Amino acid sequence: MAISIPIFTSRLRKARVAVNQANARAGEAAAYAAYLENPYYDIIAYDIRSGRVKKSKSTGANIATDLDIHSYSSDVNVVSTDISSWDVNTPLKKNENYRFGDYYFYRYIYTFDKDGSITKIQANDNYKSNPSRAY
């Protein structure tokens, strides 16, 4: 029994990463569609639960309100734009104790450059925290 718990935990963390990667890819497609629809907005949030997107402008006064999130910081939970490179030990936030394999995320925020390429992906609102309503 004592041996099976670490194995189960390891598999669970890998499963979280796989779910996060699938959700981020779905969000990436939705974000590209929203960006192409109106490239004036360069920050796009995708909510996995509702399938909806929210748009904001990086120079906007209140990005958090536009994206319908509690707060927004441009450097929190930034992960590689190469979704396939994510693994259980991908760090989150500025605190090295937070790892990508420990959470399921239900909202991703994509930042686009002027050429229409995604320059940043942020994982936002995890299942371990107190999730807010889907927008």
N, C-alpha and C. Protein backbone atom coordinates (compact mmCIF):
# COMPACT_ATOMS: atom_id res chain seq x y z
N MET A 1 0.82 -1.19 0.00
CA MET A 1 0.00 0.00 0.00
C MET A 1 0.86 1.25 0.00
N ALA A 2 1.93 1.26 0.78
CA ALA A 2 2.77 2.45 0.88
C ALA A 2 3.46 2.77 -0.44
N ILE A 3 3.72 1.76 -1.26
CA ILE A 3 4.36 1.98 -2.55
C ILE A 3 3.36 2.53 -3.56
N SER A 4 2.12 2.12 -3.48
CA SER A 4 1.13 2.52 -4.47
C SER A 4 0.72 4.00 -4.37
N ILE A 5 0.82 4.59 -3.20
CA ILE A 5 0.42 6.00 -3.04
C ILE A 5 1.32 6.93 -3.84
N PRO A 6 2.64 6.83 -3.78
CA PRO A 6 3.47 7.70 -4.62
C PRO A 6 3.24 7.47 -6.12
N ILE A 7 3.02 6.23 -6.52
CA ILE A 7 2.76 5.93 -7.93
C ILE A 7 1.46 6.57 -8.37
N PHE A 8 0.42 6.46 -7.54
CA PHE A 8 -0.87 7.06 -7.85
C PHE A 8 -0.74 8.59 -7.93
N THR A 9 -0.02 9.17 -7.00
CA THR A 9 0.18 10.63 -7.01
C THR A 9 0.90 11.08 -8.26
N SER A 10 1.90 10.34 -8.66
CA SER A 10 2.64 10.66 -9.87
C SER A 10 1.74 10.59 -11.10
N ARG A 11 0.93 9.56 -11.18
CA ARG A 11 -0.01 9.41 -12.32
C ARG A 11 -1.06 10.52 -12.31
N LEU A 12 -1.52 10.90 -11.15
CA LEU A 12 -2.52 11.96 -11.03
C LEU A 12 -1.94 13.29 -11.51
N ARG A 13 -0.71 13.57 -11.13
CA ARG A 13 -0.07 14.82 -11.58
C ARG A 13 0.10 14.82 -13.10
N LYS A 14 0.47 13.70 -13.68
CA LYS A 14 0.62 13.60 -15.13
C LYS A 14 -0.73 13.77 -15.82
N ALA A 15 -1.78 13.22 -15.22
CA ALA A 15 -3.12 13.37 -15.79
C ALA A 15 -3.57 14.83 -15.76
N ARG A 16 -3.24 15.55 -14.68
CA ARG A 16 -3.58 16.98 -14.60
C ARG A 16 -2.91 17.76 -15.72
N VAL A 17 -1.65 17.45 -15.98
CA VAL A 17 -0.93 18.14 -17.05
C VAL A 17 -1.59 17.84 -18.39
N ALA A 18 -1.95 16.59 -18.64
CA ALA A 18 -2.59 16.22 -19.91
C ALA A 18 -3.92 16.95 -20.09
N VAL A 19 -4.70 17.04 -19.03
CA VAL A 19 -5.98 17.76 -19.09
C VAL A 19 -5.72 19.25 -19.34
N ASN A 20 -4.76 19.81 -18.63
CA ASN A 20 -4.43 21.22 -18.82
C ASN A 20 -3.95 21.50 -20.25
N GLN A 21 -3.16 20.59 -20.80
CA GLN A 21 -2.69 20.78 -22.17
C GLN A 21 -3.85 20.74 -23.16
N ALA A 22 -4.74 19.79 -23.00
CA ALA A 22 -5.89 19.69 -23.90
C ALA A 22 -6.77 20.94 -23.80
N ASN A 23 -7.01 21.38 -22.58
CA ASN A 23 -7.82 22.59 -22.38
C ASN A 23 -7.14 23.83 -22.96
N ALA A 24 -5.83 23.94 -22.78
CA ALA A 24 -5.10 25.10 -23.30
C ALA A 24 -5.10 25.10 -24.83
N ARG A 25 -5.04 23.93 -25.44
CA ARG A 25 -5.11 23.87 -26.91
C ARG A 25 -6.49 24.30 -27.42
N ALA A 26 -7.53 23.86 -26.72
CA ALA A 26 -8.88 24.30 -27.09
C ALA A 26 -9.01 25.81 -26.91
N GLY A 27 -8.47 26.31 -25.82
CA GLY A 27 -8.50 27.74 -25.57
C GLY A 27 -7.69 28.52 -26.60
N GLU A 28 -6.58 27.94 -27.02
CA GLU A 28 -5.75 28.60 -28.03
C GLU A 28 -6.52 28.77 -29.34
N ALA A 29 -7.24 27.74 -29.75
CA ALA A 29 -8.05 27.83 -30.97
C ALA A 29 -9.13 28.89 -30.83
N ALA A 30 -9.80 28.92 -29.69
CA ALA A 30 -10.84 29.92 -29.45
C ALA A 30 -10.25 31.32 -29.39
N ALA A 31 -9.08 31.46 -28.79
CA ALA A 31 -8.43 32.77 -28.68
C ALA A 31 -8.01 33.28 -30.06
N TYR A 32 -7.46 32.39 -30.89
CA TYR A 32 -7.09 32.80 -32.25
C TYR A 32 -8.33 33.26 -33.02
N ALA A 33 -9.42 32.52 -32.90
CA ALA A 33 -10.65 32.89 -33.61
C ALA A 33 -11.13 34.27 -33.14
N ALA A 34 -11.10 34.50 -31.84
CA ALA A 34 -11.53 35.79 -31.29
C ALA A 34 -10.59 36.91 -31.72
N TYR A 35 -9.30 36.62 -31.74
CA TYR A 35 -8.34 37.63 -32.16
C TYR A 35 -8.52 37.99 -33.63
N LEU A 36 -8.71 36.99 -34.47
CA LEU A 36 -8.89 37.25 -35.89
C LEU A 36 -10.18 38.02 -36.17
N GLU A 37 -11.16 37.80 -35.32
CA GLU A 37 -12.42 38.52 -35.44
C GLU A 37 -12.24 40.01 -35.16
N ASN A 38 -11.40 40.32 -34.19
CA ASN A 38 -11.16 41.72 -33.85
C ASN A 38 -9.77 41.86 -33.22
N PRO A 39 -8.75 42.12 -34.04
CA PRO A 39 -7.37 42.20 -33.53
C PRO A 39 -7.09 43.42 -32.66
N TYR A 40 -8.06 44.27 -32.46
CA TYR A 40 -7.89 45.40 -31.55
C TYR A 40 -7.62 44.90 -30.14
N TYR A 41 -8.26 43.78 -29.76
CA TYR A 41 -8.07 43.18 -28.45
C TYR A 41 -6.90 42.22 -28.51
N ASP A 42 -5.91 42.42 -27.65
CA ASP A 42 -4.72 41.58 -27.71
C ASP A 42 -4.55 40.67 -26.49
N ILE A 43 -5.48 40.74 -25.54
CA ILE A 43 -5.47 39.81 -24.41
C ILE A 43 -6.83 39.12 -24.40
N ILE A 44 -6.81 37.81 -24.51
CA ILE A 44 -8.06 37.06 -24.62
C ILE A 44 -8.05 35.93 -23.60
N ALA A 45 -9.11 35.87 -22.80
CA ALA A 45 -9.26 34.81 -21.80
C ALA A 45 -10.29 33.81 -22.30
N TYR A 46 -10.01 32.53 -22.06
CA TYR A 46 -10.92 31.45 -22.46
C TYR A 46 -11.29 30.65 -21.22
N ASP A 47 -12.59 30.50 -20.98
CA ASP A 47 -13.09 29.74 -19.84
C ASP A 47 -13.48 28.34 -20.32
N ILE A 48 -12.84 27.34 -19.78
CA ILE A 48 -13.05 25.95 -20.19
C ILE A 48 -14.48 25.52 -19.91
N ARG A 49 -15.03 25.93 -18.78
CA ARG A 49 -16.35 25.45 -18.36
C ARG A 49 -17.46 25.95 -19.26
N SER A 50 -17.37 27.20 -19.70
CA SER A 50 -18.45 27.76 -20.51
C SER A 50 -18.10 27.80 -21.99
N GLY A 51 -16.81 27.69 -22.32
CA GLY A 51 -16.40 27.79 -23.71
C GLY A 51 -16.42 29.21 -24.24
N ARG A 52 -16.55 30.18 -23.36
CA ARG A 52 -16.63 31.58 -23.78
C ARG A 52 -15.28 32.27 -23.70
N VAL A 53 -15.16 33.33 -24.49
CA VAL A 53 -13.96 34.15 -24.45
C VAL A 53 -14.33 35.55 -23.97
N LYS A 54 -13.37 36.19 -23.34
CA LYS A 54 -13.47 37.60 -22.95
C LYS A 54 -12.23 38.29 -23.50
N LYS A 55 -12.40 39.52 -23.95
CA LYS A 55 -11.32 40.25 -24.61
C LYS A 55 -10.96 41.51 -23.84
N SER A 56 -9.69 41.90 -23.96
CA SER A 56 -9.24 43.14 -23.36
C SER A 56 -8.08 43.69 -24.18
N LYS A 57 -7.77 44.91 -23.93
CA LYS A 57 -6.63 45.57 -24.57
C LYS A 57 -5.54 45.73 -23.52
N SER A 58 -4.32 45.39 -23.86
CA SER A 58 -3.23 45.44 -22.88
C SER A 58 -3.01 46.84 -22.32
N THR A 59 -3.43 47.85 -23.05
CA THR A 59 -3.29 49.22 -22.55
C THR A 59 -4.55 49.69 -21.83
N GLY A 60 -5.51 48.79 -21.65
CA GLY A 60 -6.77 49.15 -20.99
C GLY A 60 -6.58 49.48 -19.52
N ALA A 61 -7.52 50.24 -19.00
CA ALA A 61 -7.44 50.68 -17.61
C ALA A 61 -7.71 49.54 -16.64
N ASN A 62 -8.62 48.64 -16.99
CA ASN A 62 -8.98 47.60 -16.04
C ASN A 62 -9.11 46.25 -16.75
N ILE A 63 -8.00 45.61 -16.98
CA ILE A 63 -7.98 44.34 -17.68
C ILE A 63 -8.77 43.29 -16.90
N ALA A 64 -8.65 43.27 -15.59
CA ALA A 64 -9.35 42.28 -14.77
C ALA A 64 -10.86 42.36 -14.98
N THR A 65 -11.42 43.56 -15.03
CA THR A 65 -12.85 43.72 -15.25
C THR A 65 -13.23 43.24 -16.65
N ASP A 66 -12.44 43.61 -17.65
CA ASP A 66 -12.71 43.17 -19.02
C ASP A 66 -12.73 41.65 -19.13
N LEU A 67 -11.78 41.01 -18.45
CA LEU A 67 -11.65 39.56 -18.54
C LEU A 67 -12.52 38.82 -17.54
N ASP A 68 -13.21 39.55 -16.67
CA ASP A 68 -14.09 38.98 -15.66
C ASP A 68 -13.34 38.04 -14.73
N ILE A 69 -12.18 38.51 -14.25
CA ILE A 69 -11.41 37.76 -13.27
C ILE A 69 -11.18 38.66 -12.06
N HIS A 70 -10.77 38.07 -10.95
CA HIS A 70 -10.61 38.82 -9.71
C HIS A 70 -9.51 39.87 -9.82
N SER A 71 -8.39 39.49 -10.38
CA SER A 71 -7.30 40.43 -10.54
C SER A 71 -6.44 39.95 -11.71
N TYR A 72 -5.67 40.86 -12.24
CA TYR A 72 -4.80 40.50 -13.36
C TYR A 72 -3.40 41.03 -13.10
N SER A 73 -2.44 40.17 -13.30
CA SER A 73 -1.04 40.56 -13.24
C SER A 73 -0.37 39.92 -14.45
N SER A 74 0.40 40.68 -15.16
CA SER A 74 1.00 40.18 -16.40
C SER A 74 2.07 39.12 -16.17
N ASP A 75 2.51 38.94 -14.92
CA ASP A 75 3.59 37.97 -14.67
C ASP A 75 3.17 36.78 -13.81
N VAL A 76 1.89 36.61 -13.54
CA VAL A 76 1.45 35.51 -12.70
C VAL A 76 1.03 34.32 -13.56
N ASN A 77 1.49 33.15 -13.18
CA ASN A 77 1.14 31.88 -13.82
C ASN A 77 1.45 31.85 -15.31
N VAL A 78 2.52 32.50 -15.70
CA VAL A 78 2.93 32.46 -17.10
C VAL A 78 3.58 31.10 -17.37
N VAL A 79 3.13 30.45 -18.43
CA VAL A 79 3.70 29.17 -18.83
C VAL A 79 4.17 29.28 -20.27
N SER A 80 4.94 28.34 -20.70
CA SER A 80 5.48 28.35 -22.05
C SER A 80 4.37 28.35 -23.09
N THR A 81 4.58 29.07 -24.18
CA THR A 81 3.61 29.05 -25.28
C THR A 81 3.69 27.74 -26.05
N ASP A 82 4.73 26.95 -25.81
CA ASP A 82 4.83 25.61 -26.38
C ASP A 82 4.11 24.64 -25.44
N ILE A 83 2.82 24.47 -25.67
CA ILE A 83 1.98 23.69 -24.77
C ILE A 83 2.49 22.26 -24.60
N SER A 84 3.04 21.68 -25.65
CA SER A 84 3.52 20.30 -25.55
C SER A 84 4.72 20.16 -24.62
N SER A 85 5.38 21.28 -24.27
CA SER A 85 6.54 21.20 -23.38
C SER A 85 6.15 21.23 -21.90
N TRP A 86 4.88 21.48 -21.59
CA TRP A 86 4.46 21.54 -20.19
C TRP A 86 4.64 20.18 -19.54
N ASP A 87 5.07 20.17 -18.30
CA ASP A 87 5.16 18.93 -17.55
C ASP A 87 4.78 19.18 -16.09
N VAL A 88 4.84 18.15 -15.29
CA VAL A 88 4.38 18.25 -13.90
C VAL A 88 5.19 19.25 -13.09
N ASN A 89 6.43 19.51 -13.49
CA ASN A 89 7.29 20.41 -12.73
C ASN A 89 7.37 21.82 -13.29
N THR A 90 6.55 22.13 -14.28
CA THR A 90 6.52 23.49 -14.81
C THR A 90 6.12 24.44 -13.68
N PRO A 91 6.97 25.43 -13.37
CA PRO A 91 6.66 26.31 -12.23
C PRO A 91 5.54 27.30 -12.56
N LEU A 92 4.83 27.69 -11.52
CA LEU A 92 3.77 28.69 -11.63
C LEU A 92 4.07 29.85 -10.70
N LYS A 93 3.53 31.00 -11.01
CA LYS A 93 3.69 32.21 -10.21
C LYS A 93 5.17 32.53 -10.04
N LYS A 94 5.47 33.30 -9.07
CA LYS A 94 6.87 33.62 -8.77
C LYS A 94 7.40 32.68 -7.71
N ASN A 95 6.52 31.91 -7.09
CA ASN A 95 6.90 30.99 -6.03
C ASN A 95 7.20 29.62 -6.64
N GLU A 96 8.40 29.16 -6.50
CA GLU A 96 8.81 27.88 -7.09
C GLU A 96 8.09 26.68 -6.49
N ASN A 97 7.35 26.86 -5.39
CA ASN A 97 6.64 25.74 -4.77
C ASN A 97 5.39 25.35 -5.54
N TYR A 98 4.88 26.22 -6.40
CA TYR A 98 3.69 25.91 -7.20
C TYR A 98 4.11 25.26 -8.50
N ARG A 99 3.59 24.07 -8.73
CA ARG A 99 3.94 23.30 -9.94
C ARG A 99 2.70 23.02 -10.75
N PHE A 100 2.87 22.97 -12.07
CA PHE A 100 1.75 22.82 -12.99
C PHE A 100 0.99 21.50 -12.79
N GLY A 101 1.68 20.46 -12.38
CA GLY A 101 1.05 19.17 -12.19
C GLY A 101 0.19 19.07 -10.94
N ASP A 102 0.14 20.12 -10.14
CA ASP A 102 -0.63 20.10 -8.89
C ASP A 102 -2.02 20.70 -9.03
N TYR A 103 -2.34 21.26 -10.18
CA TYR A 103 -3.61 21.98 -10.34
C TYR A 103 -4.28 21.65 -11.68
N TYR A 104 -5.60 21.75 -11.69
CA TYR A 104 -6.37 21.80 -12.92
C TYR A 104 -6.76 23.26 -13.11
N PHE A 105 -6.51 23.82 -14.27
CA PHE A 105 -6.89 25.20 -14.53
C PHE A 105 -8.12 25.23 -15.43
N TYR A 106 -9.00 26.18 -15.19
CA TYR A 106 -10.19 26.26 -16.02
C TYR A 106 -10.27 27.58 -16.79
N ARG A 107 -9.26 28.38 -16.73
CA ARG A 107 -9.23 29.60 -17.53
C ARG A 107 -7.80 29.85 -17.97
N TYR A 108 -7.65 30.17 -19.25
CA TYR A 108 -6.35 30.50 -19.81
C TYR A 108 -6.42 31.88 -20.42
N ILE A 109 -5.36 32.65 -20.27
CA ILE A 109 -5.29 34.00 -20.81
C ILE A 109 -4.15 34.04 -21.82
N TYR A 110 -4.49 34.45 -23.04
CA TYR A 110 -3.54 34.49 -24.15
C TYR A 110 -3.26 35.94 -24.51
N THR A 111 -1.97 36.27 -24.67
CA THR A 111 -1.57 37.61 -25.08
C THR A 111 -0.97 37.51 -26.48
N PHE A 112 -1.45 38.38 -27.37
CA PHE A 112 -1.00 38.38 -28.76
C PHE A 112 -0.09 39.57 -29.04
N ASP A 113 0.86 39.38 -29.97
CA ASP A 113 1.65 40.52 -30.42
C ASP A 113 0.99 41.11 -31.67
N LYS A 114 1.61 42.13 -32.23
CA LYS A 114 1.02 42.83 -33.37
C LYS A 114 0.94 41.96 -34.62
N ASP A 115 1.75 40.90 -34.68
CA ASP A 115 1.74 40.00 -35.83
C ASP A 115 0.69 38.91 -35.70
N GLY A 116 -0.01 38.86 -34.57
CA GLY A 116 -1.03 37.84 -34.37
C GLY A 116 -0.50 36.55 -33.78
N SER A 117 0.71 36.57 -33.24
CA SER A 117 1.28 35.39 -32.60
C SER A 117 1.05 35.47 -31.09
N ILE A 118 0.84 34.33 -30.48
CA ILE A 118 0.69 34.30 -29.03
C ILE A 118 2.06 34.44 -28.39
N THR A 119 2.20 35.46 -27.56
CA THR A 119 3.49 35.70 -26.90
C THR A 119 3.50 35.22 -25.46
N LYS A 120 2.29 35.01 -24.89
CA LYS A 120 2.24 34.60 -23.49
C LYS A 120 0.95 33.83 -23.24
N ILE A 121 1.06 32.78 -22.43
CA ILE A 121 -0.10 32.04 -21.95
C ILE A 121 -0.03 32.05 -20.43
N GLN A 122 -1.15 32.40 -19.81
CA GLN A 122 -1.24 32.36 -18.35
C GLN A 122 -2.35 31.39 -17.95
N ALA A 123 -2.02 30.50 -17.04
CA ALA A 123 -3.02 29.60 -16.46
C ALA A 123 -3.66 30.35 -15.30
N ASN A 124 -4.98 30.37 -15.26
CA ASN A 124 -5.66 31.20 -14.27
C ASN A 124 -6.80 30.43 -13.65
N ASP A 125 -7.08 30.70 -12.39
CA ASP A 125 -8.21 30.11 -11.66
C ASP A 125 -8.16 28.59 -11.66
N ASN A 126 -7.52 28.05 -10.64
CA ASN A 126 -7.39 26.60 -10.56
C ASN A 126 -8.50 25.99 -9.71
N TYR A 127 -8.69 24.68 -9.88
CA TYR A 127 -9.73 23.97 -9.17
C TYR A 127 -9.46 23.86 -7.68
N LYS A 128 -8.21 23.99 -7.25
CA LYS A 128 -7.91 23.89 -5.83
C LYS A 128 -8.30 25.16 -5.10
N SER A 129 -8.36 26.27 -5.82
CA SER A 129 -8.81 27.50 -5.19
C SER A 129 -10.34 27.50 -5.18
N ASN A 130 -10.94 28.56 -4.78
CA ASN A 130 -12.39 28.64 -4.74
C ASN A 130 -12.88 29.15 -6.10
N PRO A 131 -13.29 28.25 -7.02
CA PRO A 131 -13.61 28.70 -8.37
C PRO A 131 -14.83 29.61 -8.40
N SER A 132 -14.71 30.65 -9.20
CA SER A 132 -15.83 31.55 -9.39
C SER A 132 -16.71 31.01 -10.51
N ARG A 133 -17.81 31.67 -10.74
CA ARG A 133 -18.75 31.20 -11.77
C ARG A 133 -18.10 31.28 -13.15
N ALA A 134 -18.58 30.47 -14.05
CA ALA A 134 -18.12 30.56 -15.43
C ALA A 134 -18.74 31.79 -16.06
N TYR A 135 -18.00 32.47 -16.88
CA TYR A 135 -18.59 33.64 -17.53
C TYR A 135 -19.19 33.28 -18.87
